[in-house]
Amino acid sequence: MPIGRQALRQQLLQQREQFEGGSPEPGADAALARHLVTVLSALEPDMLGLYWPHRAEFNAVAAVAGGSTLAKLRLALPFAQRDPVQMHYRGWDGRPPTSVDERRIPTSDGAPVVPDVVLVPCVGFTVSGYRLGYGGGYFDRWLAAHPGVTAVGVAWSAAEIDEASLQPQAHDLPLTLIVTERGVV
């Protein structure tokens, strides 16, 4: 019998912290960055929605900043609001954020925007594109409200789970694709 989402989430977060702390694969950061830059170069976003990394997430901000092809992209960071629970993106100039959102995650003071490509951090993911997040539903709600946006999941390959373990629910939407240090799912 599969474990509940909360228990699965905690297990995956522990695994991610151990992976990031000990990185069993030398060069995993560089490999994920390389795959991500390749995908973004092919997608050619008009505006890219990033996320500010925390809790041992892959640092997509650094990966994008390091890619000369992507250096001229218009960027945005999410702003999570607690009441009501919702998220929007704000234009970002690429400098270190001086503000935090209502979840205490660094964000931009820029005007609200809607990126055409967004990077979505994954606590867990399935090969069919379903994502397990932190449980707040911020990205799920935003993606449901913006169905034309290309959603690119970003995760370590160790976060891959089978569909039976996740048991996608009616509100879960598959991501367009997921990028790991091993390639594109």
N, C-alpha and C. Protein backbone atom coordinates (compact mmCIF):
# COMPACT_ATOMS: atom_id res chain seq x y z
N MET A 1 0.84 -1.18 0.00
CA MET A 1 0.00 0.00 0.00
C MET A 1 0.89 1.26 0.00
N PRO A 2 0.61 2.22 -0.91
CA PRO A 2 1.43 3.42 -0.98
C PRO A 2 1.31 4.26 0.29
N ILE A 3 2.40 4.98 0.60
CA ILE A 3 2.37 5.87 1.75
C ILE A 3 1.66 7.16 1.35
N GLY A 4 1.20 7.94 2.32
CA GLY A 4 0.51 9.19 2.03
C GLY A 4 1.44 10.22 1.43
N ARG A 5 0.84 11.25 0.84
CA ARG A 5 1.63 12.30 0.19
C ARG A 5 2.57 13.01 1.17
N GLN A 6 2.09 13.28 2.36
CA GLN A 6 2.93 14.00 3.31
C GLN A 6 4.16 13.17 3.70
N ALA A 7 3.96 11.89 3.95
CA ALA A 7 5.08 11.01 4.31
C ALA A 7 6.03 10.87 3.12
N LEU A 8 5.48 10.74 1.91
CA LEU A 8 6.30 10.65 0.70
C LEU A 8 7.11 11.94 0.53
N ARG A 9 6.46 13.06 0.72
CA ARG A 9 7.13 14.37 0.62
C ARG A 9 8.30 14.45 1.59
N GLN A 10 8.09 14.08 2.83
CA GLN A 10 9.16 14.14 3.83
C GLN A 10 10.31 13.21 3.47
N GLN A 11 9.98 12.03 3.00
CA GLN A 11 11.01 11.07 2.58
C GLN A 11 11.84 11.64 1.43
N LEU A 12 11.18 12.22 0.44
CA LEU A 12 11.88 12.78 -0.72
C LEU A 12 12.72 14.00 -0.34
N LEU A 13 12.21 14.83 0.56
CA LEU A 13 12.98 15.99 1.00
C LEU A 13 14.26 15.56 1.73
N GLN A 14 14.15 14.53 2.54
CA GLN A 14 15.33 14.01 3.23
C GLN A 14 16.35 13.47 2.22
N GLN A 15 15.85 12.72 1.24
CA GLN A 15 16.74 12.17 0.20
C GLN A 15 17.42 13.29 -0.57
N ARG A 16 16.66 14.36 -0.88
CA ARG A 16 17.22 15.47 -1.64
C ARG A 16 18.31 16.18 -0.85
N GLU A 17 18.07 16.40 0.43
CA GLU A 17 19.07 17.06 1.26
C GLU A 17 20.33 16.21 1.37
N GLN A 18 20.17 14.88 1.46
CA GLN A 18 21.33 14.00 1.50
C GLN A 18 22.06 14.00 0.17
N PHE A 19 21.31 13.99 -0.92
CA PHE A 19 21.89 14.02 -2.26
C PHE A 19 22.67 15.31 -2.45
N GLU A 20 22.05 16.43 -2.16
CA GLU A 20 22.69 17.73 -2.35
C GLU A 20 23.89 17.89 -1.43
N GLY A 21 23.80 17.36 -0.22
CA GLY A 21 24.89 17.46 0.74
C GLY A 21 26.08 16.60 0.37
N GLY A 22 25.82 15.43 -0.23
CA GLY A 22 26.91 14.51 -0.54
C GLY A 22 27.11 14.29 -2.01
N SER A 23 26.20 14.78 -2.84
CA SER A 23 26.23 14.64 -4.30
C SER A 23 26.95 13.37 -4.76
N PRO A 24 26.24 12.22 -4.75
CA PRO A 24 26.87 10.96 -5.13
C PRO A 24 27.39 10.95 -6.57
N GLU A 25 26.88 11.83 -7.41
CA GLU A 25 27.35 11.89 -8.79
C GLU A 25 28.18 13.15 -8.97
N PRO A 26 29.49 13.01 -9.13
CA PRO A 26 30.30 14.20 -9.39
C PRO A 26 29.80 14.90 -10.66
N GLY A 27 29.70 16.20 -10.59
CA GLY A 27 29.26 16.96 -11.76
C GLY A 27 27.77 17.02 -11.95
N ALA A 28 26.97 16.59 -10.97
CA ALA A 28 25.51 16.59 -11.12
C ALA A 28 24.98 18.00 -11.34
N ASP A 29 25.49 18.98 -10.59
CA ASP A 29 25.05 20.37 -10.77
C ASP A 29 25.31 20.84 -12.20
N ALA A 30 26.52 20.61 -12.67
CA ALA A 30 26.89 21.06 -14.02
C ALA A 30 26.05 20.35 -15.08
N ALA A 31 25.78 19.07 -14.88
CA ALA A 31 24.98 18.32 -15.85
C ALA A 31 23.55 18.84 -15.91
N LEU A 32 22.95 19.08 -14.75
CA LEU A 32 21.58 19.60 -14.74
C LEU A 32 21.55 20.99 -15.37
N ALA A 33 22.51 21.83 -15.04
CA ALA A 33 22.58 23.16 -15.64
C ALA A 33 22.69 23.08 -17.16
N ARG A 34 23.52 22.19 -17.65
CA ARG A 34 23.73 22.02 -19.10
C ARG A 34 22.42 21.59 -19.78
N HIS A 35 21.73 20.60 -19.20
CA HIS A 35 20.46 20.14 -19.77
C HIS A 35 19.41 21.24 -19.74
N LEU A 36 19.37 21.98 -18.65
CA LEU A 36 18.37 23.04 -18.52
C LEU A 36 18.62 24.16 -19.54
N VAL A 37 19.85 24.58 -19.70
CA VAL A 37 20.18 25.63 -20.67
C VAL A 37 19.85 25.16 -22.08
N THR A 38 20.11 23.90 -22.38
CA THR A 38 19.78 23.36 -23.71
C THR A 38 18.27 23.42 -23.96
N VAL A 39 17.49 23.00 -22.97
CA VAL A 39 16.03 23.02 -23.10
C VAL A 39 15.53 24.45 -23.28
N LEU A 40 16.02 25.36 -22.44
CA LEU A 40 15.56 26.75 -22.52
C LEU A 40 15.98 27.41 -23.83
N SER A 41 17.15 27.07 -24.34
CA SER A 41 17.58 27.61 -25.63
C SER A 41 16.65 27.14 -26.74
N ALA A 42 16.19 25.90 -26.67
CA ALA A 42 15.27 25.37 -27.67
C ALA A 42 13.88 26.00 -27.53
N LEU A 43 13.44 26.26 -26.30
CA LEU A 43 12.11 26.84 -26.07
C LEU A 43 12.04 28.32 -26.43
N GLU A 44 13.17 29.02 -26.35
CA GLU A 44 13.25 30.45 -26.64
C GLU A 44 12.15 31.25 -25.94
N PRO A 45 12.12 31.23 -24.62
CA PRO A 45 11.05 31.97 -23.92
C PRO A 45 11.15 33.48 -24.13
N ASP A 46 9.98 34.11 -24.18
CA ASP A 46 9.93 35.57 -24.21
C ASP A 46 10.21 36.09 -22.80
N MET A 47 9.62 35.41 -21.80
CA MET A 47 9.87 35.73 -20.39
C MET A 47 9.94 34.42 -19.63
N LEU A 48 10.96 34.28 -18.80
CA LEU A 48 11.18 33.05 -18.04
C LEU A 48 10.85 33.27 -16.57
N GLY A 49 9.95 32.47 -16.06
CA GLY A 49 9.64 32.48 -14.63
C GLY A 49 10.56 31.49 -13.93
N LEU A 50 11.40 32.00 -13.03
CA LEU A 50 12.31 31.18 -12.25
C LEU A 50 11.73 30.94 -10.87
N TYR A 51 12.48 30.28 -10.02
CA TYR A 51 12.13 30.15 -8.60
C TYR A 51 13.42 30.41 -7.83
N TRP A 52 13.31 30.98 -6.63
CA TRP A 52 14.50 31.20 -5.82
C TRP A 52 14.76 29.91 -5.05
N PRO A 53 15.94 29.30 -5.17
CA PRO A 53 16.18 27.98 -4.57
C PRO A 53 16.22 27.99 -3.04
N HIS A 54 15.59 26.99 -2.46
CA HIS A 54 15.70 26.74 -1.02
C HIS A 54 15.50 25.26 -0.76
N ARG A 55 15.82 24.81 0.41
CA ARG A 55 15.66 23.41 0.82
C ARG A 55 16.33 22.44 -0.15
N ALA A 56 17.57 22.71 -0.51
CA ALA A 56 18.40 21.84 -1.37
C ALA A 56 17.87 21.70 -2.79
N GLU A 57 17.07 22.68 -3.25
CA GLU A 57 16.63 22.68 -4.64
C GLU A 57 17.82 23.03 -5.54
N PHE A 58 17.73 22.58 -6.77
CA PHE A 58 18.74 22.95 -7.75
C PHE A 58 18.66 24.46 -7.98
N ASN A 59 19.82 25.11 -8.09
CA ASN A 59 19.87 26.56 -8.27
C ASN A 59 19.76 26.89 -9.76
N ALA A 60 18.52 26.97 -10.24
CA ALA A 60 18.28 27.29 -11.64
C ALA A 60 18.65 28.73 -11.95
N VAL A 61 18.57 29.61 -10.97
CA VAL A 61 18.95 31.01 -11.17
C VAL A 61 20.41 31.09 -11.61
N ALA A 62 21.29 30.39 -10.92
CA ALA A 62 22.71 30.40 -11.27
C ALA A 62 22.93 29.75 -12.63
N ALA A 63 22.20 28.69 -12.93
CA ALA A 63 22.36 28.01 -14.22
C ALA A 63 21.97 28.92 -15.38
N VAL A 64 20.87 29.64 -15.23
CA VAL A 64 20.41 30.54 -16.28
C VAL A 64 21.34 31.74 -16.41
N ALA A 65 21.80 32.27 -15.30
CA ALA A 65 22.71 33.42 -15.32
C ALA A 65 24.01 33.07 -16.02
N GLY A 66 24.42 31.81 -15.92
CA GLY A 66 25.68 31.38 -16.52
C GLY A 66 25.61 31.11 -18.00
N GLY A 67 24.41 31.00 -18.56
CA GLY A 67 24.26 30.71 -19.98
C GLY A 67 24.19 31.97 -20.81
N SER A 68 25.17 32.22 -21.66
CA SER A 68 25.22 33.47 -22.42
C SER A 68 24.01 33.63 -23.35
N THR A 69 23.48 32.54 -23.87
CA THR A 69 22.30 32.60 -24.73
C THR A 69 21.11 33.13 -23.96
N LEU A 70 21.06 32.85 -22.68
CA LEU A 70 19.90 33.21 -21.87
C LEU A 70 20.09 34.53 -21.12
N ALA A 71 21.26 35.12 -21.21
CA ALA A 71 21.58 36.30 -20.42
C ALA A 71 20.64 37.48 -20.70
N LYS A 72 20.06 37.55 -21.86
CA LYS A 72 19.22 38.69 -22.23
C LYS A 72 17.72 38.42 -22.01
N LEU A 73 17.39 37.30 -21.43
CA LEU A 73 15.99 36.97 -21.19
C LEU A 73 15.33 37.92 -20.20
N ARG A 74 14.06 38.18 -20.42
CA ARG A 74 13.27 38.86 -19.39
C ARG A 74 12.93 37.80 -18.35
N LEU A 75 13.05 38.15 -17.08
CA LEU A 75 12.90 37.19 -15.99
C LEU A 75 11.79 37.59 -15.03
N ALA A 76 11.32 36.61 -14.28
CA ALA A 76 10.30 36.85 -13.26
C ALA A 76 10.52 35.86 -12.12
N LEU A 77 10.10 36.27 -10.92
CA LEU A 77 10.12 35.39 -9.75
C LEU A 77 8.72 35.31 -9.18
N PRO A 78 8.37 34.15 -8.59
CA PRO A 78 7.04 34.02 -8.00
C PRO A 78 6.91 34.78 -6.68
N PHE A 79 5.68 35.18 -6.40
CA PHE A 79 5.32 35.77 -5.12
C PHE A 79 4.16 34.95 -4.58
N ALA A 80 4.37 34.27 -3.46
CA ALA A 80 3.33 33.43 -2.85
C ALA A 80 2.62 34.23 -1.76
N GLN A 81 1.31 34.18 -1.81
CA GLN A 81 0.47 34.88 -0.86
C GLN A 81 -0.29 33.84 -0.04
N ARG A 82 -0.37 34.03 1.27
CA ARG A 82 -1.01 33.04 2.15
C ARG A 82 -2.54 33.14 2.20
N ASP A 83 -3.09 34.36 2.18
CA ASP A 83 -4.54 34.50 2.36
C ASP A 83 -5.08 35.57 1.42
N PRO A 84 -5.74 35.16 0.34
CA PRO A 84 -6.01 33.78 -0.05
C PRO A 84 -4.74 33.14 -0.62
N VAL A 85 -4.72 31.81 -0.59
CA VAL A 85 -3.57 31.07 -1.12
C VAL A 85 -3.53 31.26 -2.63
N GLN A 86 -2.50 31.97 -3.07
CA GLN A 86 -2.31 32.18 -4.50
C GLN A 86 -0.88 32.61 -4.77
N MET A 87 -0.53 32.58 -6.02
CA MET A 87 0.82 32.95 -6.43
C MET A 87 0.71 33.74 -7.73
N HIS A 88 1.60 34.69 -7.90
CA HIS A 88 1.75 35.38 -9.17
C HIS A 88 3.24 35.63 -9.38
N TYR A 89 3.59 36.00 -10.59
CA TYR A 89 4.99 36.31 -10.90
C TYR A 89 5.16 37.82 -10.95
N ARG A 90 6.38 38.23 -10.61
CA ARG A 90 6.75 39.64 -10.69
C ARG A 90 8.01 39.76 -11.53
N GLY A 91 8.03 40.77 -12.40
CA GLY A 91 9.21 41.01 -13.21
C GLY A 91 10.44 41.16 -12.33
N TRP A 92 11.57 40.63 -12.81
CA TRP A 92 12.79 40.61 -12.01
C TRP A 92 13.98 41.03 -12.87
N ASP A 93 14.84 41.87 -12.31
CA ASP A 93 15.99 42.38 -13.05
C ASP A 93 17.23 41.51 -12.93
N GLY A 94 17.16 40.40 -12.21
CA GLY A 94 18.29 39.49 -12.09
C GLY A 94 19.23 39.79 -10.93
N ARG A 95 19.05 40.93 -10.27
CA ARG A 95 19.88 41.25 -9.11
C ARG A 95 19.35 40.49 -7.89
N PRO A 96 20.20 40.27 -6.88
CA PRO A 96 19.74 39.56 -5.68
C PRO A 96 18.47 40.22 -5.10
N PRO A 97 17.43 39.43 -4.86
CA PRO A 97 16.18 39.99 -4.33
C PRO A 97 16.37 40.63 -2.96
N THR A 98 15.64 41.72 -2.75
CA THR A 98 15.66 42.40 -1.45
C THR A 98 14.34 42.23 -0.71
N SER A 99 13.37 41.56 -1.34
CA SER A 99 12.06 41.32 -0.72
C SER A 99 11.84 39.83 -0.53
N VAL A 100 10.89 39.51 0.33
CA VAL A 100 10.45 38.12 0.50
C VAL A 100 8.94 38.07 0.35
N ASP A 101 8.44 36.92 -0.08
CA ASP A 101 6.99 36.77 -0.19
C ASP A 101 6.42 36.32 1.15
N GLU A 102 5.15 36.00 1.18
CA GLU A 102 4.50 35.62 2.44
C GLU A 102 4.87 34.23 2.93
N ARG A 103 5.68 33.51 2.16
CA ARG A 103 6.23 32.21 2.59
C ARG A 103 7.70 32.38 2.99
N ARG A 104 8.18 33.62 3.02
CA ARG A 104 9.55 33.98 3.41
C ARG A 104 10.60 33.54 2.37
N ILE A 105 10.19 33.47 1.11
CA ILE A 105 11.09 33.11 0.01
C ILE A 105 11.46 34.40 -0.73
N PRO A 106 12.74 34.61 -1.02
CA PRO A 106 13.14 35.82 -1.75
C PRO A 106 12.37 35.97 -3.06
N THR A 107 12.01 37.22 -3.35
CA THR A 107 11.23 37.53 -4.55
C THR A 107 11.55 38.93 -5.03
N SER A 108 10.90 39.32 -6.08
CA SER A 108 11.12 40.62 -6.71
C SER A 108 10.05 41.62 -6.28
N ASP A 109 10.40 42.91 -6.40
CA ASP A 109 9.45 44.00 -6.18
C ASP A 109 8.80 44.44 -7.48
N GLY A 110 9.13 43.78 -8.58
CA GLY A 110 8.64 44.19 -9.90
C GLY A 110 7.14 44.08 -10.05
N ALA A 111 6.66 44.58 -11.17
CA ALA A 111 5.23 44.54 -11.50
C ALA A 111 4.80 43.10 -11.81
N PRO A 112 3.52 42.79 -11.55
CA PRO A 112 3.01 41.46 -11.91
C PRO A 112 3.13 41.20 -13.41
N VAL A 113 3.54 39.99 -13.75
CA VAL A 113 3.72 39.57 -15.15
C VAL A 113 3.27 38.12 -15.29
N VAL A 114 3.13 37.68 -16.53
CA VAL A 114 2.81 36.27 -16.81
C VAL A 114 3.88 35.74 -17.77
N PRO A 115 4.85 34.98 -17.24
CA PRO A 115 5.87 34.40 -18.12
C PRO A 115 5.27 33.35 -19.05
N ASP A 116 5.91 33.13 -20.20
CA ASP A 116 5.43 32.09 -21.12
C ASP A 116 6.08 30.74 -20.84
N VAL A 117 7.22 30.74 -20.13
CA VAL A 117 7.88 29.51 -19.69
C VAL A 117 8.22 29.68 -18.22
N VAL A 118 7.88 28.67 -17.42
CA VAL A 118 8.20 28.73 -15.99
C VAL A 118 8.96 27.48 -15.58
N LEU A 119 9.92 27.67 -14.68
CA LEU A 119 10.63 26.55 -14.08
C LEU A 119 9.95 26.24 -12.76
N VAL A 120 9.65 24.97 -12.55
CA VAL A 120 8.89 24.55 -11.38
C VAL A 120 9.73 23.54 -10.58
N PRO A 121 10.06 23.87 -9.33
CA PRO A 121 10.84 22.92 -8.53
C PRO A 121 9.98 21.72 -8.16
N CYS A 122 10.59 20.54 -8.18
CA CYS A 122 9.87 19.31 -7.86
C CYS A 122 10.47 18.65 -6.62
N VAL A 123 9.63 18.31 -5.66
CA VAL A 123 10.07 17.47 -4.55
C VAL A 123 10.13 16.04 -5.06
N GLY A 124 9.16 15.68 -5.89
CA GLY A 124 9.11 14.38 -6.54
C GLY A 124 8.45 14.53 -7.90
N PHE A 125 8.64 13.54 -8.78
CA PHE A 125 8.02 13.59 -10.10
C PHE A 125 7.87 12.18 -10.65
N THR A 126 6.94 12.05 -11.60
CA THR A 126 6.75 10.78 -12.30
C THR A 126 7.21 10.96 -13.75
N VAL A 127 7.49 9.86 -14.43
CA VAL A 127 7.92 9.95 -15.82
C VAL A 127 6.83 10.51 -16.73
N SER A 128 5.59 10.47 -16.29
CA SER A 128 4.51 11.04 -17.10
C SER A 128 4.32 12.54 -16.82
N GLY A 129 5.18 13.12 -15.98
CA GLY A 129 5.17 14.57 -15.79
C GLY A 129 4.44 15.10 -14.58
N TYR A 130 3.91 14.21 -13.76
CA TYR A 130 3.24 14.69 -12.55
C TYR A 130 4.27 15.04 -11.49
N ARG A 131 3.96 16.05 -10.70
CA ARG A 131 4.89 16.62 -9.74
C ARG A 131 4.31 16.57 -8.34
N LEU A 132 5.20 16.29 -7.40
CA LEU A 132 4.87 16.44 -5.99
C LEU A 132 5.64 17.66 -5.51
N GLY A 133 4.90 18.63 -4.96
CA GLY A 133 5.53 19.84 -4.44
C GLY A 133 5.53 19.82 -2.93
N TYR A 134 5.55 21.01 -2.37
CA TYR A 134 5.61 21.14 -0.91
C TYR A 134 4.25 21.00 -0.23
N GLY A 135 3.18 20.97 -1.00
CA GLY A 135 1.87 20.74 -0.43
C GLY A 135 1.00 21.96 -0.29
N GLY A 136 1.50 23.13 -0.65
CA GLY A 136 0.72 24.36 -0.52
C GLY A 136 -0.19 24.62 -1.70
N GLY A 137 0.10 24.01 -2.85
CA GLY A 137 -0.74 24.17 -4.04
C GLY A 137 -0.51 25.46 -4.81
N TYR A 138 0.55 26.20 -4.49
CA TYR A 138 0.79 27.48 -5.16
C TYR A 138 1.02 27.31 -6.66
N PHE A 139 1.99 26.47 -7.02
CA PHE A 139 2.28 26.26 -8.44
C PHE A 139 1.10 25.59 -9.14
N ASP A 140 0.44 24.63 -8.48
CA ASP A 140 -0.71 23.94 -9.10
C ASP A 140 -1.80 24.94 -9.47
N ARG A 141 -2.12 25.84 -8.55
CA ARG A 141 -3.16 26.83 -8.82
C ARG A 141 -2.75 27.77 -9.96
N TRP A 142 -1.48 28.21 -9.92
CA TRP A 142 -1.02 29.14 -10.95
C TRP A 142 -1.04 28.46 -12.31
N LEU A 143 -0.54 27.25 -12.39
CA LEU A 143 -0.52 26.54 -13.67
C LEU A 143 -1.93 26.27 -14.20
N ALA A 144 -2.87 25.95 -13.31
CA ALA A 144 -4.25 25.72 -13.73
C ALA A 144 -4.86 26.99 -14.31
N ALA A 145 -4.49 28.14 -13.77
CA ALA A 145 -5.01 29.42 -14.24
C ALA A 145 -4.31 29.91 -15.52
N HIS A 146 -3.19 29.28 -15.87
CA HIS A 146 -2.41 29.69 -17.05
C HIS A 146 -2.06 28.46 -17.90
N PRO A 147 -3.08 27.83 -18.51
CA PRO A 147 -2.85 26.56 -19.23
C PRO A 147 -1.95 26.67 -20.46
N GLY A 148 -1.73 27.84 -21.01
CA GLY A 148 -0.89 27.97 -22.19
C GLY A 148 0.59 28.11 -21.89
N VAL A 149 0.94 28.15 -20.62
CA VAL A 149 2.34 28.33 -20.22
C VAL A 149 3.09 27.00 -20.31
N THR A 150 4.32 27.05 -20.74
CA THR A 150 5.17 25.85 -20.77
C THR A 150 5.80 25.69 -19.40
N ALA A 151 5.45 24.60 -18.72
CA ALA A 151 5.94 24.33 -17.37
C ALA A 151 7.04 23.29 -17.40
N VAL A 152 8.24 23.72 -17.00
CA VAL A 152 9.41 22.85 -17.01
C VAL A 152 9.77 22.50 -15.57
N GLY A 153 9.59 21.25 -15.20
CA GLY A 153 9.97 20.80 -13.88
C GLY A 153 11.48 20.68 -13.77
N VAL A 154 12.01 20.99 -12.59
CA VAL A 154 13.44 20.87 -12.33
C VAL A 154 13.61 20.03 -11.08
N ALA A 155 14.39 18.95 -11.21
CA ALA A 155 14.54 18.02 -10.07
C ALA A 155 15.80 17.20 -10.22
N TRP A 156 16.24 16.66 -9.11
CA TRP A 156 17.30 15.66 -9.14
C TRP A 156 16.67 14.34 -9.54
N SER A 157 17.37 13.50 -10.27
CA SER A 157 16.82 12.22 -10.73
C SER A 157 16.39 11.33 -9.57
N ALA A 158 17.01 11.50 -8.41
CA ALA A 158 16.64 10.70 -7.23
C ALA A 158 15.21 10.98 -6.77
N ALA A 159 14.60 12.05 -7.27
CA ALA A 159 13.23 12.40 -6.89
C ALA A 159 12.18 11.68 -7.73
N GLU A 160 12.63 10.87 -8.68
CA GLU A 160 11.66 10.15 -9.52
C GLU A 160 10.91 9.11 -8.68
N ILE A 161 9.59 9.12 -8.82
CA ILE A 161 8.72 8.17 -8.13
C ILE A 161 7.77 7.55 -9.14
N ASP A 162 7.22 6.40 -8.81
CA ASP A 162 6.26 5.81 -9.74
C ASP A 162 4.87 6.41 -9.50
N GLU A 163 4.05 6.29 -10.52
CA GLU A 163 2.72 6.88 -10.49
C GLU A 163 1.87 6.33 -9.35
N ALA A 164 2.02 5.06 -9.04
CA ALA A 164 1.26 4.45 -7.95
C ALA A 164 1.61 5.08 -6.60
N SER A 165 2.87 5.46 -6.42
CA SER A 165 3.28 6.11 -5.17
C SER A 165 2.68 7.50 -5.05
N LEU A 166 2.60 8.22 -6.16
CA LEU A 166 2.07 9.59 -6.13
C LEU A 166 0.55 9.60 -6.14
N GLN A 167 -0.05 8.73 -6.91
CA GLN A 167 -1.50 8.71 -7.09
C GLN A 167 -2.01 10.09 -7.47
N PRO A 168 -1.74 10.55 -8.71
CA PRO A 168 -2.17 11.88 -9.13
C PRO A 168 -3.66 12.10 -8.85
N GLN A 169 -3.96 13.30 -8.40
CA GLN A 169 -5.33 13.67 -8.06
C GLN A 169 -5.90 14.56 -9.16
N ALA A 170 -7.20 14.81 -9.09
CA ALA A 170 -7.89 15.56 -10.14
C ALA A 170 -7.26 16.94 -10.38
N HIS A 171 -6.76 17.59 -9.34
CA HIS A 171 -6.18 18.93 -9.50
C HIS A 171 -4.73 18.91 -10.00
N ASP A 172 -4.10 17.74 -10.01
CA ASP A 172 -2.72 17.64 -10.48
C ASP A 172 -2.67 17.74 -12.00
N LEU A 173 -1.80 18.61 -12.48
CA LEU A 173 -1.61 18.78 -13.92
C LEU A 173 -0.20 18.34 -14.28
N PRO A 174 -0.03 17.58 -15.36
CA PRO A 174 1.34 17.18 -15.73
C PRO A 174 2.12 18.38 -16.25
N LEU A 175 3.40 18.39 -15.96
CA LEU A 175 4.30 19.42 -16.48
C LEU A 175 4.60 19.10 -17.94
N THR A 176 5.05 20.07 -18.69
CA THR A 176 5.39 19.86 -20.10
C THR A 176 6.56 18.89 -20.21
N LEU A 177 7.58 19.10 -19.39
CA LEU A 177 8.73 18.20 -19.32
C LEU A 177 9.45 18.44 -18.00
N ILE A 178 10.36 17.53 -17.68
CA ILE A 178 11.13 17.64 -16.44
C ILE A 178 12.59 17.46 -16.81
N VAL A 179 13.43 18.32 -16.24
CA VAL A 179 14.87 18.27 -16.49
C VAL A 179 15.57 17.81 -15.21
N THR A 180 16.44 16.82 -15.35
CA THR A 180 17.26 16.34 -14.23
C THR A 180 18.73 16.36 -14.67
N GLU A 181 19.61 15.97 -13.77
CA GLU A 181 21.02 15.90 -14.14
C GLU A 181 21.29 14.79 -15.16
N ARG A 182 20.33 13.88 -15.33
CA ARG A 182 20.51 12.79 -16.30
C ARG A 182 19.88 13.09 -17.66
N GLY A 183 19.19 14.21 -17.76
CA GLY A 183 18.58 14.57 -19.04
C GLY A 183 17.14 15.02 -18.87
N VAL A 184 16.39 14.92 -19.98
CA VAL A 184 15.01 15.39 -20.02
C VAL A 184 14.06 14.20 -19.91
N VAL A 185 13.07 14.34 -19.04
CA VAL A 185 12.04 13.31 -18.87
C VAL A 185 10.81 13.78 -19.65
